[in-house]
């Protein structure tokens, strides 16, 4: 059975650790070791993301507990999530720096 890693509880995607075919049952392994299953709707190549729930156009995509982009179309649970259906969101990294006083 193909497997995928659900890295952070906030994430709405999991990363597939092997190739997944449409119709495959995918075992989802959470960071706390719990396991669940989802049926893949589309093929998903190694190291790509599978949607763990329905994601609406405009919704944030979370991976590692961080926003990695926004859905540019509706994405059904069990479908591939990649650059074709999400858009990266620019971040102001300098605003996130922890600066020490001079």
N, C-alpha and C. Protein backbone atom coordinates (compact mmCIF):
# COMPACT_ATOMS: atom_id res chain seq x y z
N UNK A 1 0.85 -1.18 0.00
CA UNK A 1 0.00 0.00 0.00
C UNK A 1 0.89 1.24 0.00
N UNK A 2 0.63 2.20 -0.91
CA UNK A 2 1.40 3.45 -0.90
C UNK A 2 1.19 4.18 0.43
N UNK A 3 2.18 4.96 0.80
CA UNK A 3 2.12 5.70 2.05
C UNK A 3 2.37 7.19 1.80
N UNK A 4 1.89 8.00 2.75
CA UNK A 4 2.13 9.44 2.70
C UNK A 4 2.33 9.95 4.12
N UNK A 5 3.15 10.98 4.25
CA UNK A 5 3.45 11.56 5.56
C UNK A 5 2.68 12.85 5.77
N UNK A 6 1.92 12.89 6.86
CA UNK A 6 1.21 14.09 7.29
C UNK A 6 2.12 14.75 8.32
N UNK A 7 2.88 15.73 7.88
CA UNK A 7 4.01 16.25 8.66
C UNK A 7 3.59 17.07 9.87
N UNK A 8 2.56 17.88 9.74
CA UNK A 8 2.14 18.78 10.83
C UNK A 8 0.63 18.72 10.95
N UNK A 9 0.09 18.75 12.16
CA UNK A 9 -1.37 18.66 12.33
C UNK A 9 -2.17 19.72 11.56
N UNK A 10 -1.56 20.87 11.32
CA UNK A 10 -2.24 21.96 10.61
C UNK A 10 -2.31 21.73 9.10
N UNK A 11 -1.45 20.83 8.59
CA UNK A 11 -1.34 20.62 7.14
C UNK A 11 -2.63 20.03 6.55
N UNK A 12 -3.00 20.52 5.37
CA UNK A 12 -4.15 19.95 4.64
C UNK A 12 -3.68 19.10 3.47
N UNK A 13 -2.38 18.80 3.43
CA UNK A 13 -1.79 17.90 2.45
C UNK A 13 -0.85 16.93 3.16
N UNK A 14 -0.58 15.81 2.50
CA UNK A 14 0.44 14.87 2.96
C UNK A 14 1.37 14.59 1.79
N UNK A 15 2.60 14.21 2.09
CA UNK A 15 3.61 13.97 1.07
C UNK A 15 3.70 12.46 0.80
N UNK A 16 3.50 12.08 -0.45
CA UNK A 16 3.53 10.66 -0.83
C UNK A 16 4.97 10.16 -0.88
N UNK A 17 5.21 9.02 -0.24
CA UNK A 17 6.56 8.46 -0.17
C UNK A 17 6.81 7.42 -1.26
N UNK A 18 5.84 7.25 -2.13
CA UNK A 18 5.99 6.37 -3.28
C UNK A 18 4.97 6.80 -4.33
N UNK A 19 5.09 6.25 -5.52
CA UNK A 19 4.14 6.55 -6.59
C UNK A 19 2.76 6.04 -6.20
N UNK A 20 1.75 6.82 -6.50
CA UNK A 20 0.36 6.47 -6.20
C UNK A 20 -0.44 6.49 -7.50
N UNK A 21 -1.26 5.48 -7.69
CA UNK A 21 -2.13 5.42 -8.86
C UNK A 21 -3.55 5.80 -8.43
N UNK A 22 -4.32 6.35 -9.37
CA UNK A 22 -5.71 6.66 -9.08
C UNK A 22 -6.41 5.39 -8.61
N UNK A 23 -7.16 5.49 -7.53
CA UNK A 23 -7.87 4.34 -6.97
C UNK A 23 -7.10 3.63 -5.87
N UNK A 24 -5.79 3.92 -5.73
CA UNK A 24 -5.01 3.32 -4.64
C UNK A 24 -5.49 3.81 -3.29
N UNK A 25 -5.47 2.92 -2.32
CA UNK A 25 -5.67 3.30 -0.92
C UNK A 25 -4.30 3.73 -0.42
N UNK A 26 -4.23 4.92 0.14
CA UNK A 26 -2.96 5.48 0.62
C UNK A 26 -3.01 5.55 2.14
N UNK A 27 -2.01 4.94 2.78
CA UNK A 27 -1.92 5.01 4.24
C UNK A 27 -1.26 6.33 4.62
N UNK A 28 -1.96 7.11 5.42
CA UNK A 28 -1.45 8.40 5.89
C UNK A 28 -0.85 8.18 7.28
N UNK A 29 0.42 8.54 7.44
CA UNK A 29 1.10 8.40 8.72
C UNK A 29 1.29 9.81 9.30
N UNK A 30 0.66 10.05 10.45
CA UNK A 30 0.76 11.35 11.10
C UNK A 30 2.06 11.46 11.89
N UNK A 31 2.42 12.69 12.25
CA UNK A 31 3.66 12.92 12.99
C UNK A 31 3.65 12.25 14.36
N UNK A 32 2.46 11.99 14.91
CA UNK A 32 2.38 11.32 16.21
C UNK A 32 2.31 9.79 16.07
N UNK A 33 2.41 9.30 14.83
CA UNK A 33 2.42 7.86 14.59
C UNK A 33 1.06 7.26 14.27
N UNK A 34 -0.01 8.03 14.44
CA UNK A 34 -1.33 7.49 14.10
C UNK A 34 -1.44 7.33 12.60
N UNK A 35 -2.32 6.44 12.19
CA UNK A 35 -2.47 6.13 10.77
C UNK A 35 -3.93 6.19 10.35
N UNK A 36 -4.13 6.59 9.12
CA UNK A 36 -5.46 6.62 8.51
C UNK A 36 -5.27 6.29 7.04
N UNK A 37 -6.37 6.27 6.30
CA UNK A 37 -6.30 5.98 4.86
C UNK A 37 -7.12 6.98 4.08
N UNK A 38 -6.70 7.18 2.84
CA UNK A 38 -7.45 8.00 1.90
C UNK A 38 -7.32 7.31 0.54
N UNK A 39 -8.34 7.42 -0.28
CA UNK A 39 -8.28 6.85 -1.63
C UNK A 39 -7.84 7.95 -2.58
N UNK A 40 -6.80 7.67 -3.35
CA UNK A 40 -6.30 8.63 -4.33
C UNK A 40 -7.28 8.73 -5.50
N UNK A 41 -7.59 9.94 -5.87
CA UNK A 41 -8.48 10.19 -7.00
C UNK A 41 -7.68 10.33 -8.29
N UNK A 42 -6.48 10.87 -8.17
CA UNK A 42 -5.60 11.09 -9.32
C UNK A 42 -4.26 10.40 -9.06
N UNK A 43 -3.49 10.15 -10.10
CA UNK A 43 -2.13 9.65 -9.88
C UNK A 43 -1.30 10.72 -9.19
N UNK A 44 -0.38 10.29 -8.34
CA UNK A 44 0.50 11.22 -7.63
C UNK A 44 1.91 10.63 -7.65
N UNK A 45 2.84 11.38 -8.17
CA UNK A 45 4.21 10.89 -8.25
C UNK A 45 4.91 11.03 -6.90
N UNK A 46 5.98 10.26 -6.75
CA UNK A 46 6.81 10.26 -5.55
C UNK A 46 7.15 11.68 -5.11
N UNK A 47 6.99 11.93 -3.83
CA UNK A 47 7.31 13.22 -3.18
C UNK A 47 6.34 14.35 -3.50
N UNK A 48 5.25 14.06 -4.18
CA UNK A 48 4.25 15.09 -4.39
C UNK A 48 3.18 14.99 -3.31
N UNK A 49 2.28 15.97 -3.30
CA UNK A 49 1.31 16.11 -2.22
C UNK A 49 -0.06 15.59 -2.62
N UNK A 50 -0.77 15.01 -1.62
CA UNK A 50 -2.15 14.57 -1.77
C UNK A 50 -3.02 15.41 -0.84
N UNK A 51 -4.16 15.87 -1.35
CA UNK A 51 -5.08 16.67 -0.54
C UNK A 51 -5.78 15.77 0.48
N UNK A 52 -5.74 16.17 1.74
CA UNK A 52 -6.36 15.37 2.81
C UNK A 52 -7.81 15.73 3.03
N UNK A 53 -8.25 16.83 2.44
CA UNK A 53 -9.64 17.27 2.53
C UNK A 53 -9.93 18.09 1.28
N UNK A 54 -11.19 18.40 1.07
CA UNK A 54 -11.53 19.28 -0.05
C UNK A 54 -10.93 20.65 0.22
N UNK A 55 -10.29 21.21 -0.78
CA UNK A 55 -9.68 22.54 -0.67
C UNK A 55 -10.35 23.42 -1.72
N UNK A 56 -10.90 24.52 -1.29
CA UNK A 56 -11.60 25.43 -2.20
C UNK A 56 -10.63 26.43 -2.83
N UNK A 57 -10.97 26.89 -4.01
CA UNK A 57 -10.19 27.92 -4.69
C UNK A 57 -10.00 29.10 -3.73
N UNK A 58 -8.76 29.54 -3.58
CA UNK A 58 -8.45 30.65 -2.69
C UNK A 58 -8.02 30.23 -1.29
N UNK A 59 -8.26 28.96 -0.92
CA UNK A 59 -7.84 28.47 0.39
C UNK A 59 -6.33 28.36 0.47
N UNK A 60 -5.81 28.53 1.69
CA UNK A 60 -4.39 28.34 1.93
C UNK A 60 -4.05 26.86 1.88
N UNK A 61 -2.85 26.56 1.37
CA UNK A 61 -2.30 25.20 1.38
C UNK A 61 -1.24 25.19 2.47
N UNK A 62 -1.39 24.27 3.43
CA UNK A 62 -0.45 24.17 4.54
C UNK A 62 0.41 22.93 4.40
N UNK A 63 1.73 23.12 4.56
CA UNK A 63 2.70 22.04 4.62
C UNK A 63 3.75 22.48 5.64
N UNK A 64 4.18 21.58 6.49
CA UNK A 64 5.10 21.91 7.60
C UNK A 64 4.46 22.89 8.58
N UNK A 65 3.13 22.98 8.57
CA UNK A 65 2.45 23.92 9.45
C UNK A 65 2.49 25.36 8.94
N UNK A 66 3.02 25.56 7.75
CA UNK A 66 3.17 26.89 7.15
C UNK A 66 2.38 26.97 5.84
N UNK A 67 1.95 28.16 5.49
CA UNK A 67 1.28 28.36 4.20
C UNK A 67 2.34 28.30 3.10
N UNK A 68 2.13 27.39 2.15
CA UNK A 68 3.06 27.29 1.02
C UNK A 68 2.45 27.83 -0.27
N UNK A 69 1.16 28.18 -0.23
CA UNK A 69 0.51 28.71 -1.41
C UNK A 69 -0.99 28.79 -1.22
N UNK A 70 -1.66 29.20 -2.28
CA UNK A 70 -3.13 29.27 -2.30
C UNK A 70 -3.64 28.44 -3.47
N UNK A 71 -4.76 27.80 -3.25
CA UNK A 71 -5.37 27.01 -4.33
C UNK A 71 -5.88 27.96 -5.42
N UNK A 72 -5.53 27.65 -6.66
CA UNK A 72 -6.02 28.47 -7.77
C UNK A 72 -7.23 27.82 -8.44
N UNK A 73 -7.63 26.67 -7.90
CA UNK A 73 -8.86 26.00 -8.34
C UNK A 73 -9.28 25.08 -7.18
N UNK A 74 -10.51 24.61 -7.23
CA UNK A 74 -10.95 23.63 -6.23
C UNK A 74 -10.12 22.36 -6.37
N UNK A 75 -9.73 21.78 -5.24
CA UNK A 75 -8.95 20.53 -5.22
C UNK A 75 -9.69 19.56 -4.31
N UNK A 76 -10.14 18.45 -4.86
CA UNK A 76 -10.88 17.46 -4.08
C UNK A 76 -9.92 16.63 -3.23
N UNK A 77 -10.42 16.15 -2.09
CA UNK A 77 -9.57 15.29 -1.26
C UNK A 77 -9.17 14.07 -2.08
N UNK A 78 -7.92 13.65 -1.89
CA UNK A 78 -7.39 12.52 -2.65
C UNK A 78 -6.73 12.90 -3.96
N UNK A 79 -6.74 14.18 -4.30
CA UNK A 79 -6.15 14.63 -5.57
C UNK A 79 -4.74 15.17 -5.37
N UNK A 80 -4.00 15.17 -6.46
CA UNK A 80 -2.67 15.74 -6.51
C UNK A 80 -2.73 17.24 -6.22
N UNK A 81 -1.80 17.72 -5.41
CA UNK A 81 -1.64 19.15 -5.14
C UNK A 81 -0.23 19.51 -5.60
N UNK A 82 -0.15 20.39 -6.62
CA UNK A 82 1.17 20.78 -7.13
C UNK A 82 1.09 22.16 -7.77
N UNK A 83 2.13 22.53 -8.50
CA UNK A 83 2.23 23.86 -9.09
C UNK A 83 1.12 24.16 -10.11
N UNK A 84 0.41 23.15 -10.56
CA UNK A 84 -0.66 23.37 -11.53
C UNK A 84 -1.97 23.81 -10.88
N UNK A 85 -2.11 23.57 -9.56
CA UNK A 85 -3.36 23.98 -8.90
C UNK A 85 -3.15 24.82 -7.65
N UNK A 86 -1.89 25.20 -7.39
CA UNK A 86 -1.63 26.17 -6.32
C UNK A 86 -0.66 27.23 -6.83
N UNK A 87 -0.72 28.38 -6.21
CA UNK A 87 0.20 29.47 -6.53
C UNK A 87 0.97 29.81 -5.27
N UNK A 88 2.28 29.93 -5.41
CA UNK A 88 3.12 30.31 -4.26
C UNK A 88 2.74 31.71 -3.80
N UNK A 89 2.87 31.92 -2.51
CA UNK A 89 2.56 33.22 -1.93
C UNK A 89 3.86 33.85 -1.44
N UNK A 90 4.15 35.06 -1.90
CA UNK A 90 5.38 35.71 -1.42
C UNK A 90 5.30 35.98 0.08
N UNK A 91 6.45 35.90 0.75
CA UNK A 91 6.52 36.19 2.17
C UNK A 91 7.55 37.29 2.38
N UNK A 92 7.29 38.09 3.40
CA UNK A 92 8.26 39.11 3.80
C UNK A 92 9.15 38.50 4.87
N UNK A 93 10.13 37.72 4.42
CA UNK A 93 10.99 37.00 5.37
C UNK A 93 11.69 37.94 6.34
N UNK A 94 12.03 39.12 5.89
CA UNK A 94 12.73 40.06 6.78
C UNK A 94 11.85 40.43 7.98
N UNK A 95 10.54 40.40 7.82
CA UNK A 95 9.63 40.68 8.94
C UNK A 95 9.63 39.55 9.97
N UNK A 96 10.14 38.38 9.58
CA UNK A 96 10.14 37.24 10.48
C UNK A 96 11.46 37.05 11.23
N UNK A 97 12.46 37.87 10.89
CA UNK A 97 13.76 37.76 11.56
C UNK A 97 13.64 38.18 13.01
N UNK A 98 14.38 37.54 13.86
CA UNK A 98 14.47 37.93 15.26
C UNK A 98 15.76 38.75 15.37
N UNK A 99 15.61 40.03 15.61
CA UNK A 99 16.78 40.92 15.67
C UNK A 99 17.10 41.24 17.11
N UNK A 100 18.36 41.21 17.44
CA UNK A 100 18.81 41.58 18.78
C UNK A 100 19.19 43.05 18.77
N UNK A 101 18.99 43.68 19.90
CA UNK A 101 19.36 45.09 20.03
C UNK A 101 20.83 45.32 19.80
N UNK A 102 21.17 46.51 19.35
CA UNK A 102 22.59 46.84 19.08
C UNK A 102 23.36 47.01 20.36
